[in-house]
Amino acid sequence: MKHIPMRMCVACREMHPQNELIRIVRDNSSGEIKLDADKKLFGRSAYICRNTECVKLAKKKRGLERAFQCAVDGELYNTAEDMM
């Protein structure tokens, strides 16, 4: 039986299979925060469910700011919402 990695959404705080979530990464060297569609970038990561409610809730609760402990551009949330 294959193990499926589970990750927690920063908005709803529910556990989901990793491949069902949007991955956002902060590059350790540059500090740049970006979406990781291919799930291959290195750095600290956070996850959001693939629905607009969770993206809006993450923006409202400042979920990515808490996860990365730094300011996050609001445009990143809009880009994540466009990925739906």
C-alpha atoms as a PDB file:
ATOM      1  CA  MET A   1       0.000   0.000   0.000  1.00  0.00           C
ATOM      2  CA  LYS A   2       1.389   3.374  -1.048  1.00  0.00           C
ATOM      3  CA  HIS A   3       1.625   6.134   1.557  1.00  0.00           C
ATOM      4  CA  ILE A   4      -0.101   9.372   0.542  1.00  0.00           C
ATOM      5  CA  PRO A   5       1.441  12.487   2.138  1.00  0.00           C
ATOM      6  CA  MET A   6      -1.101  14.695   3.928  1.00  0.00           C
ATOM      7  CA  ARG A   7      -0.786  18.464   4.394  1.00  0.00           C
ATOM      8  CA  MET A   8      -2.838  21.064   6.270  1.00  0.00           C
ATOM      9  CA  CYS A   9      -4.563  23.972   4.547  1.00  0.00           C
ATOM     10  CA  VAL A  10      -3.514  27.316   6.100  1.00  0.00           C
ATOM     11  CA  ALA A  11      -7.113  28.578   5.828  1.00  0.00           C
ATOM     12  CA  CYS A  12      -9.503  25.817   6.947  1.00  0.00           C
ATOM     13  CA  ARG A  13      -6.822  23.914   8.914  1.00  0.00           C
ATOM     14  CA  GLU A  14      -8.058  20.556   7.536  1.00  0.00           C
ATOM     15  CA  MET A  15      -5.746  17.769   6.397  1.00  0.00           C
ATOM     16  CA  HIS A  16      -5.869  16.831   2.705  1.00  0.00           C
ATOM     17  CA  PRO A  17      -3.720  14.721   0.357  1.00  0.00           C
ATOM     18  CA  GLN A  18      -0.787  16.859  -0.778  1.00  0.00           C
ATOM     19  CA  ASN A  19      -1.603  16.506  -4.475  1.00  0.00           C
ATOM     20  CA  GLU A  20      -5.074  18.077  -3.949  1.00  0.00           C
ATOM     21  CA  LEU A  21      -3.687  21.357  -2.559  1.00  0.00           C
ATOM     22  CA  ILE A  22      -2.038  24.469  -4.006  1.00  0.00           C
ATOM     23  CA  ARG A  23       1.598  24.725  -2.874  1.00  0.00           C
ATOM     24  CA  ILE A  24       3.129  28.118  -2.129  1.00  0.00           C
ATOM     25  CA  VAL A  25       6.885  28.344  -1.529  1.00  0.00           C
ATOM     26  CA  ARG A  26       9.205  30.927   0.045  1.00  0.00           C
ATOM     27  CA  ASP A  27      12.671  30.656  -1.475  1.00  0.00           C
ATOM     28  CA  ASN A  28      15.193  30.361   1.371  1.00  0.00           C
ATOM     29  CA  SER A  29      17.907  32.378  -0.361  1.00  0.00           C
ATOM     30  CA  SER A  30      15.943  35.261  -1.911  1.00  0.00           C
ATOM     31  CA  GLY A  31      12.868  35.290   0.325  1.00  0.00           C
ATOM     32  CA  GLU A  32      10.640  35.406  -2.767  1.00  0.00           C
ATOM     33  CA  ILE A  33       7.192  33.842  -2.327  1.00  0.00           C
ATOM     34  CA  LYS A  34       5.586  32.173  -5.345  1.00  0.00           C
ATOM     35  CA  LEU A  35       3.138  29.492  -6.413  1.00  0.00           C
ATOM     36  CA  ASP A  36       4.675  26.092  -7.110  1.00  0.00           C
ATOM     37  CA  ALA A  37       2.485  24.458  -9.739  1.00  0.00           C
ATOM     38  CA  ASP A  38       5.015  21.674 -10.450  1.00  0.00           C
ATOM     39  CA  LYS A  39       5.686  21.039  -6.730  1.00  0.00           C
ATOM     40  CA  LYS A  40       9.449  20.947  -7.354  1.00  0.00           C
ATOM     41  CA  LEU A  41      10.746  24.223  -5.907  1.00  0.00           C
ATOM     42  CA  PHE A  42      12.925  24.208  -2.799  1.00  0.00           C
ATOM     43  CA  GLY A  43      12.133  26.218   0.297  1.00  0.00           C
ATOM     44  CA  ARG A  44       9.570  26.602   3.047  1.00  0.00           C
ATOM     45  CA  SER A  45       6.079  25.693   1.826  1.00  0.00           C
ATOM     46  CA  ALA A  46       2.459  26.248   2.797  1.00  0.00           C
ATOM     47  CA  TYR A  47      -0.699  24.780   1.282  1.00  0.00           C
ATOM     48  CA  ILE A  48      -4.197  26.055   0.445  1.00  0.00           C
ATOM     49  CA  CYS A  49      -7.229  24.027  -0.680  1.00  0.00           C
ATOM     50  CA  ARG A  50      -8.185  24.312  -4.333  1.00  0.00           C
ATOM     51  CA  ASN A  51     -11.381  26.275  -3.717  1.00  0.00           C
ATOM     52  CA  THR A  52     -12.117  29.977  -3.710  1.00  0.00           C
ATOM     53  CA  GLU A  53     -13.555  29.945  -0.179  1.00  0.00           C
ATOM     54  CA  CYS A  54     -10.256  28.744   1.304  1.00  0.00           C
ATOM     55  CA  VAL A  55      -8.210  31.247  -0.710  1.00  0.00           C
ATOM     56  CA  LYS A  56     -10.440  34.099   0.488  1.00  0.00           C
ATOM     57  CA  LEU A  57     -10.309  32.791   4.071  1.00  0.00           C
ATOM     58  CA  ALA A  58      -6.500  32.507   3.904  1.00  0.00           C
ATOM     59  CA  LYS A  59      -6.318  36.126   2.768  1.00  0.00           C
ATOM     60  CA  LYS A  60      -8.686  37.258   5.521  1.00  0.00           C
ATOM     61  CA  LYS A  61      -6.902  35.273   8.265  1.00  0.00           C
ATOM     62  CA  ARG A  62      -3.450  36.148   6.838  1.00  0.00           C
ATOM     63  CA  GLY A  63      -2.653  32.423   6.706  1.00  0.00           C
ATOM     64  CA  LEU A  64       0.376  32.712   4.437  1.00  0.00           C
ATOM     65  CA  GLU A  65       1.791  35.595   6.461  1.00  0.00           C
ATOM     66  CA  ARG A  66       1.600  33.417   9.582  1.00  0.00           C
ATOM     67  CA  ALA A  67       3.068  30.387   7.828  1.00  0.00           C
ATOM     68  CA  PHE A  68       6.022  32.303   6.371  1.00  0.00           C
ATOM     69  CA  GLN A  69       6.345  34.895   9.151  1.00  0.00           C
ATOM     70  CA  CYS A  70       6.677  37.722   6.656  1.00  0.00           C
ATOM     71  CA  ALA A  71       4.532  39.997   4.478  1.00  0.00           C
ATOM     72  CA  VAL A  72       2.856  38.404   1.449  1.00  0.00           C
ATOM     73  CA  ASP A  73       1.740  40.373  -1.619  1.00  0.00           C
ATOM     74  CA  GLY A  74      -2.062  40.332  -1.995  1.00  0.00           C
ATOM     75  CA  GLU A  75      -1.595  39.597  -5.700  1.00  0.00           C
ATOM     76  CA  LEU A  76      -0.409  36.089  -4.758  1.00  0.00           C
ATOM     77  CA  TYR A  77      -3.864  35.303  -3.352  1.00  0.00           C
ATOM     78  CA  ASN A  78      -5.473  36.556  -6.588  1.00  0.00           C
ATOM     79  CA  THR A  79      -3.158  34.350  -8.635  1.00  0.00           C
ATOM     80  CA  ALA A  80      -4.008  31.337  -6.441  1.00  0.00           C
ATOM     81  CA  GLU A  81      -7.710  32.052  -6.912  1.00  0.00           C
ATOM     82  CA  ASP A  82      -7.198  32.156 -10.696  1.00  0.00           C
ATOM     83  CA  MET A  83      -5.711  28.624 -10.547  1.00  0.00           C
ATOM     84  CA  MET A  84      -9.116  27.171  -9.597  1.00  0.00           C
END
